[in-house]
């Protein structure tokens, strides 16, 4: 997982490829699993624990604390945010079209997009907060084979699982 809290400059420059969590191509996903989690019709929130296609993950979804493997993922476990969970998707954005940008360029976009969104979502700046972030990003294969440009920013508490959304947590 990408962790931006300690030794920020070194972590940002040196470990993006080794530590980031990557999405895999759509064709692989279709063969492994299909569908989305049961969701509340009005809010879109997950209503029961499910394993979903990674491309079905949405802003506001919560995932168990052991959901992140540090390897390419084609599926994700999700739980209602009212249940204990380790991660919450708080923002997403698309990378610009063109050639696959590589780890450094993706890292720069994550800093430019995820950190300001963190401030708005949590209610404190990232530097003031006790919480950390990680993200899902396209792989070179998903970029070229599935036109994948999506980056999803996730917030988590390194101290352990939380219950309820972290939106407005101000900690």
C-alpha atoms as a PDB file:
ATOM      1  CA  UNK A   1       0.000   0.000   0.000  1.00  0.00           C
ATOM      2  CA  UNK A   2       1.113   3.498  -0.642  1.00  0.00           C
ATOM      3  CA  UNK A   3       1.507   5.410   2.569  1.00  0.00           C
ATOM      4  CA  UNK A   4       2.263   9.112   2.319  1.00  0.00           C
ATOM      5  CA  UNK A   5       2.663   9.934   5.988  1.00  0.00           C
ATOM      6  CA  UNK A   6       6.285   9.032   6.763  1.00  0.00           C
ATOM      7  CA  UNK A   7       9.230  10.287   4.818  1.00  0.00           C
ATOM      8  CA  UNK A   8       6.872  11.765   2.304  1.00  0.00           C
ATOM      9  CA  UNK A   9       9.408  12.834  -0.330  1.00  0.00           C
ATOM     10  CA  UNK A  10      11.241   9.501  -0.298  1.00  0.00           C
ATOM     11  CA  UNK A  11       8.039   7.490  -0.292  1.00  0.00           C
ATOM     12  CA  UNK A  12       6.580   9.555  -3.094  1.00  0.00           C
ATOM     13  CA  UNK A  13       9.606   9.263  -5.318  1.00  0.00           C
ATOM     14  CA  UNK A  14      10.913   5.811  -4.590  1.00  0.00           C
ATOM     15  CA  UNK A  15       8.184   3.387  -3.752  1.00  0.00           C
ATOM     16  CA  UNK A  16       5.183   4.170  -5.922  1.00  0.00           C
ATOM     17  CA  UNK A  17       5.570   1.138  -8.167  1.00  0.00           C
ATOM     18  CA  UNK A  18       6.486  -1.309  -5.430  1.00  0.00           C
ATOM     19  CA  UNK A  19       3.848  -0.211  -2.981  1.00  0.00           C
ATOM     20  CA  UNK A  20       0.875   1.047  -4.966  1.00  0.00           C
ATOM     21  CA  UNK A  21      -2.140  -1.134  -5.435  1.00  0.00           C
ATOM     22  CA  UNK A  22      -3.008  -1.713  -9.039  1.00  0.00           C
ATOM     23  CA  UNK A  23      -6.078  -2.571 -11.008  1.00  0.00           C
ATOM     24  CA  UNK A  24      -6.023  -5.353 -13.561  1.00  0.00           C
ATOM     25  CA  UNK A  25      -7.557  -5.553 -16.997  1.00  0.00           C
ATOM     26  CA  UNK A  26     -11.269  -5.760 -17.537  1.00  0.00           C
ATOM     27  CA  UNK A  27     -11.171  -9.029 -19.481  1.00  0.00           C
ATOM     28  CA  UNK A  28      -9.592 -10.856 -16.552  1.00  0.00           C
ATOM     29  CA  UNK A  29     -12.183  -9.435 -14.205  1.00  0.00           C
ATOM     30  CA  UNK A  30     -15.086 -10.513 -16.380  1.00  0.00           C
ATOM     31  CA  UNK A  31     -13.807 -14.078 -16.274  1.00  0.00           C
ATOM     32  CA  UNK A  32     -13.355 -14.113 -12.493  1.00  0.00           C
ATOM     33  CA  UNK A  33     -16.405 -12.365 -11.132  1.00  0.00           C
ATOM     34  CA  UNK A  34     -19.256 -10.192 -12.193  1.00  0.00           C
ATOM     35  CA  UNK A  35     -21.598  -7.710 -10.672  1.00  0.00           C
ATOM     36  CA  UNK A  36     -21.842  -5.273  -7.881  1.00  0.00           C
ATOM     37  CA  UNK A  37     -22.764  -5.374  -4.212  1.00  0.00           C
ATOM     38  CA  UNK A  38     -26.352  -5.008  -3.044  1.00  0.00           C
ATOM     39  CA  UNK A  39     -26.849  -1.255  -2.568  1.00  0.00           C
ATOM     40  CA  UNK A  40     -29.448   0.998  -0.995  1.00  0.00           C
ATOM     41  CA  UNK A  41     -31.571   2.363  -3.846  1.00  0.00           C
ATOM     42  CA  UNK A  42     -31.570   5.926  -2.503  1.00  0.00           C
ATOM     43  CA  UNK A  43     -28.045   6.353  -1.129  1.00  0.00           C
ATOM     44  CA  UNK A  44     -26.096   3.839  -3.237  1.00  0.00           C
ATOM     45  CA  UNK A  45     -24.416   2.548  -0.055  1.00  0.00           C
ATOM     46  CA  UNK A  46     -23.418  -1.108   0.206  1.00  0.00           C
ATOM     47  CA  UNK A  47     -26.000  -2.985   2.301  1.00  0.00           C
ATOM     48  CA  UNK A  48     -24.257  -6.334   2.794  1.00  0.00           C
ATOM     49  CA  UNK A  49     -20.760  -7.783   2.650  1.00  0.00           C
ATOM     50  CA  UNK A  50     -19.892  -8.708  -0.929  1.00  0.00           C
ATOM     51  CA  UNK A  51     -17.029  -9.451  -3.278  1.00  0.00           C
ATOM     52  CA  UNK A  52     -17.274  -7.222  -6.335  1.00  0.00           C
ATOM     53  CA  UNK A  53     -15.517  -6.483  -9.601  1.00  0.00           C
ATOM     54  CA  UNK A  54     -12.816  -3.897  -8.827  1.00  0.00           C
ATOM     55  CA  UNK A  55     -14.354  -1.601 -11.445  1.00  0.00           C
ATOM     56  CA  UNK A  56     -17.641  -1.624  -9.474  1.00  0.00           C
ATOM     57  CA  UNK A  57     -15.950   0.040  -6.474  1.00  0.00           C
ATOM     58  CA  UNK A  58     -17.461   3.491  -5.873  1.00  0.00           C
ATOM     59  CA  UNK A  59     -16.784   6.589  -3.809  1.00  0.00           C
ATOM     60  CA  UNK A  60     -18.280   5.924  -0.370  1.00  0.00           C
ATOM     61  CA  UNK A  61     -17.578   2.176  -0.419  1.00  0.00           C
ATOM     62  CA  UNK A  62     -15.888   0.659   2.623  1.00  0.00           C
ATOM     63  CA  UNK A  63     -13.573  -2.355   2.619  1.00  0.00           C
ATOM     64  CA  UNK A  64     -12.343  -4.693   5.361  1.00  0.00           C
ATOM     65  CA  UNK A  65      -8.974  -3.979   6.955  1.00  0.00           C
ATOM     66  CA  UNK A  66      -7.393  -6.990   5.253  1.00  0.00           C
ATOM     67  CA  UNK A  67      -8.708  -6.037   1.794  1.00  0.00           C
ATOM     68  CA  UNK A  68      -5.460  -4.566   0.479  1.00  0.00           C
ATOM     69  CA  UNK A  69      -2.898  -7.085  -0.635  1.00  0.00           C
ATOM     70  CA  UNK A  70      -0.354  -4.753  -2.205  1.00  0.00           C
ATOM     71  CA  UNK A  71      -0.656  -6.692  -5.465  1.00  0.00           C
ATOM     72  CA  UNK A  72      -2.777  -6.262  -8.558  1.00  0.00           C
ATOM     73  CA  UNK A  73      -6.420  -6.793  -7.731  1.00  0.00           C
ATOM     74  CA  UNK A  74      -9.315  -7.762  -9.958  1.00  0.00           C
ATOM     75  CA  UNK A  75     -11.940  -7.837  -7.210  1.00  0.00           C
ATOM     76  CA  UNK A  76     -12.628  -6.159  -3.891  1.00  0.00           C
ATOM     77  CA  UNK A  77     -14.430  -7.106  -0.706  1.00  0.00           C
ATOM     78  CA  UNK A  78     -16.851  -4.419   0.446  1.00  0.00           C
ATOM     79  CA  UNK A  79     -18.883  -4.061   3.634  1.00  0.00           C
ATOM     80  CA  UNK A  80     -21.468  -1.571   4.846  1.00  0.00           C
ATOM     81  CA  UNK A  81     -19.589   1.372   6.358  1.00  0.00           C
ATOM     82  CA  UNK A  82     -21.555   0.870   9.596  1.00  0.00           C
ATOM     83  CA  UNK A  83     -19.592  -2.379  10.097  1.00  0.00           C
ATOM     84  CA  UNK A  84     -15.916  -2.473  11.108  1.00  0.00           C
ATOM     85  CA  UNK A  85     -13.760  -1.658   8.086  1.00  0.00           C
ATOM     86  CA  UNK A  86     -10.257  -0.562   7.276  1.00  0.00           C
ATOM     87  CA  UNK A  87     -10.623   1.511   4.102  1.00  0.00           C
ATOM     88  CA  UNK A  88     -13.081   3.965   2.590  1.00  0.00           C
ATOM     89  CA  UNK A  89     -13.051   5.275  -0.973  1.00  0.00           C
ATOM     90  CA  UNK A  90     -13.304   9.052  -0.615  1.00  0.00           C
ATOM     91  CA  UNK A  91     -12.406  10.405  -4.058  1.00  0.00           C
ATOM     92  CA  UNK A  92     -11.756   9.288  -7.607  1.00  0.00           C
ATOM     93  CA  UNK A  93     -10.483  10.898 -10.774  1.00  0.00           C
ATOM     94  CA  UNK A  94      -9.481  10.017 -14.318  1.00  0.00           C
ATOM     95  CA  UNK A  95      -5.937  10.329 -15.616  1.00  0.00           C
ATOM     96  CA  UNK A  96      -5.492  12.093 -18.961  1.00  0.00           C
ATOM     97  CA  UNK A  97      -5.523  10.023 -22.145  1.00  0.00           C
ATOM     98  CA  UNK A  98      -2.295   9.277 -23.958  1.00  0.00           C
ATOM     99  CA  UNK A  99       0.557   6.900 -23.299  1.00  0.00           C
ATOM    100  CA  UNK A 100       0.708   5.140 -19.928  1.00  0.00           C
ATOM    101  CA  UNK A 101       2.164   7.851 -17.649  1.00  0.00           C
ATOM    102  CA  UNK A 102       4.208   5.644 -15.314  1.00  0.00           C
ATOM    103  CA  UNK A 103       4.526   5.638 -11.548  1.00  0.00           C
ATOM    104  CA  UNK A 104       6.036   9.096 -11.058  1.00  0.00           C
ATOM    105  CA  UNK A 105       3.359  10.875 -13.093  1.00  0.00           C
ATOM    106  CA  UNK A 106       0.578   8.928 -11.371  1.00  0.00           C
ATOM    107  CA  UNK A 107       2.137   9.776  -8.003  1.00  0.00           C
ATOM    108  CA  UNK A 108       2.132  13.483  -8.889  1.00  0.00           C
ATOM    109  CA  UNK A 109      -1.545  13.320  -9.897  1.00  0.00           C
ATOM    110  CA  UNK A 110      -2.416  11.493  -6.668  1.00  0.00           C
ATOM    111  CA  UNK A 111      -0.789  14.298  -4.691  1.00  0.00           C
ATOM    112  CA  UNK A 112      -2.579  16.932  -6.759  1.00  0.00           C
ATOM    113  CA  UNK A 113      -6.012  15.260  -6.532  1.00  0.00           C
ATOM    114  CA  UNK A 114      -6.213  13.012  -3.456  1.00  0.00           C
ATOM    115  CA  UNK A 115      -4.677  15.364  -0.901  1.00  0.00           C
ATOM    116  CA  UNK A 116      -7.040  18.340  -1.486  1.00  0.00           C
ATOM    117  CA  UNK A 117      -9.990  15.920  -1.595  1.00  0.00           C
ATOM    118  CA  UNK A 118      -8.762  14.419   1.714  1.00  0.00           C
ATOM    119  CA  UNK A 119      -8.844  17.869   3.331  1.00  0.00           C
ATOM    120  CA  UNK A 120     -12.446  18.398   2.198  1.00  0.00           C
ATOM    121  CA  UNK A 121     -13.594  14.884   3.100  1.00  0.00           C
ATOM    122  CA  UNK A 122     -11.940  14.570   6.529  1.00  0.00           C
ATOM    123  CA  UNK A 123     -12.183  18.206   7.611  1.00  0.00           C
ATOM    124  CA  UNK A 124      -8.470  18.578   8.342  1.00  0.00           C
ATOM    125  CA  UNK A 125      -5.431  18.790   6.122  1.00  0.00           C
ATOM    126  CA  UNK A 126      -3.582  15.562   5.521  1.00  0.00           C
ATOM    127  CA  UNK A 127      -0.624  16.915   7.512  1.00  0.00           C
ATOM    128  CA  UNK A 128      -2.861  17.631  10.539  1.00  0.00           C
ATOM    129  CA  UNK A 129      -4.720  14.336  10.378  1.00  0.00           C
ATOM    130  CA  UNK A 130      -3.952  11.056  12.135  1.00  0.00           C
ATOM    131  CA  UNK A 131      -5.367   9.214   9.102  1.00  0.00           C
ATOM    132  CA  UNK A 132      -3.500   7.938   6.045  1.00  0.00           C
ATOM    133  CA  UNK A 133      -4.256   7.346   2.397  1.00  0.00           C
ATOM    134  CA  UNK A 134      -3.615   4.775  -0.270  1.00  0.00           C
ATOM    135  CA  UNK A 135      -5.083   4.367  -3.737  1.00  0.00           C
ATOM    136  CA  UNK A 136      -5.930   2.111  -6.631  1.00  0.00           C
ATOM    137  CA  UNK A 137      -4.345   2.982  -9.951  1.00  0.00           C
ATOM    138  CA  UNK A 138      -4.349   1.511 -13.465  1.00  0.00           C
ATOM    139  CA  UNK A 139      -1.690  -0.955 -14.516  1.00  0.00           C
ATOM    140  CA  UNK A 140      -0.025  -0.586 -17.888  1.00  0.00           C
ATOM    141  CA  UNK A 141      -2.069  -3.572 -19.092  1.00  0.00           C
ATOM    142  CA  UNK A 142      -5.410  -2.183 -17.884  1.00  0.00           C
ATOM    143  CA  UNK A 143      -4.443   1.180 -19.408  1.00  0.00           C
ATOM    144  CA  UNK A 144      -3.870  -0.260 -22.873  1.00  0.00           C
ATOM    145  CA  UNK A 145      -6.305  -3.188 -22.892  1.00  0.00           C
ATOM    146  CA  UNK A 146      -9.276  -1.747 -20.990  1.00  0.00           C
ATOM    147  CA  UNK A 147      -8.821   2.025 -21.434  1.00  0.00           C
ATOM    148  CA  UNK A 148      -8.537   2.235 -17.627  1.00  0.00           C
ATOM    149  CA  UNK A 149      -7.732   5.769 -16.429  1.00  0.00           C
ATOM    150  CA  UNK A 150      -9.376   5.645 -12.990  1.00  0.00           C
ATOM    151  CA  UNK A 151      -7.546   6.404  -9.745  1.00  0.00           C
ATOM    152  CA  UNK A 152      -9.446   5.882  -6.492  1.00  0.00           C
ATOM    153  CA  UNK A 153      -8.259   7.483  -3.258  1.00  0.00           C
ATOM    154  CA  UNK A 154      -8.840   5.567  -0.017  1.00  0.00           C
ATOM    155  CA  UNK A 155      -8.544   6.755   3.573  1.00  0.00           C
ATOM    156  CA  UNK A 156      -7.658   4.494   6.491  1.00  0.00           C
ATOM    157  CA  UNK A 157      -6.673   4.622  10.141  1.00  0.00           C
ATOM    158  CA  UNK A 158      -3.339   2.883  10.717  1.00  0.00           C
ATOM    159  CA  UNK A 159      -4.469   2.214  14.304  1.00  0.00           C
ATOM    160  CA  UNK A 160      -7.086  -0.255  13.072  1.00  0.00           C
ATOM    161  CA  UNK A 161     -10.627  -0.703  11.859  1.00  0.00           C
ATOM    162  CA  UNK A 162     -13.275   1.985  12.247  1.00  0.00           C
ATOM    163  CA  UNK A 163     -17.073   1.907  12.216  1.00  0.00           C
ATOM    164  CA  UNK A 164     -19.041   4.477  10.266  1.00  0.00           C
ATOM    165  CA  UNK A 165     -17.815   6.804   7.572  1.00  0.00           C
ATOM    166  CA  UNK A 166     -14.684   8.868   8.087  1.00  0.00           C
ATOM    167  CA  UNK A 167     -16.329  11.792   6.279  1.00  0.00           C
ATOM    168  CA  UNK A 168     -16.039  14.817   8.550  1.00  0.00           C
ATOM    169  CA  UNK A 169     -14.025  12.841  11.136  1.00  0.00           C
ATOM    170  CA  UNK A 170     -11.650  15.810  11.640  1.00  0.00           C
ATOM    171  CA  UNK A 171      -8.971  13.626  13.157  1.00  0.00           C
END
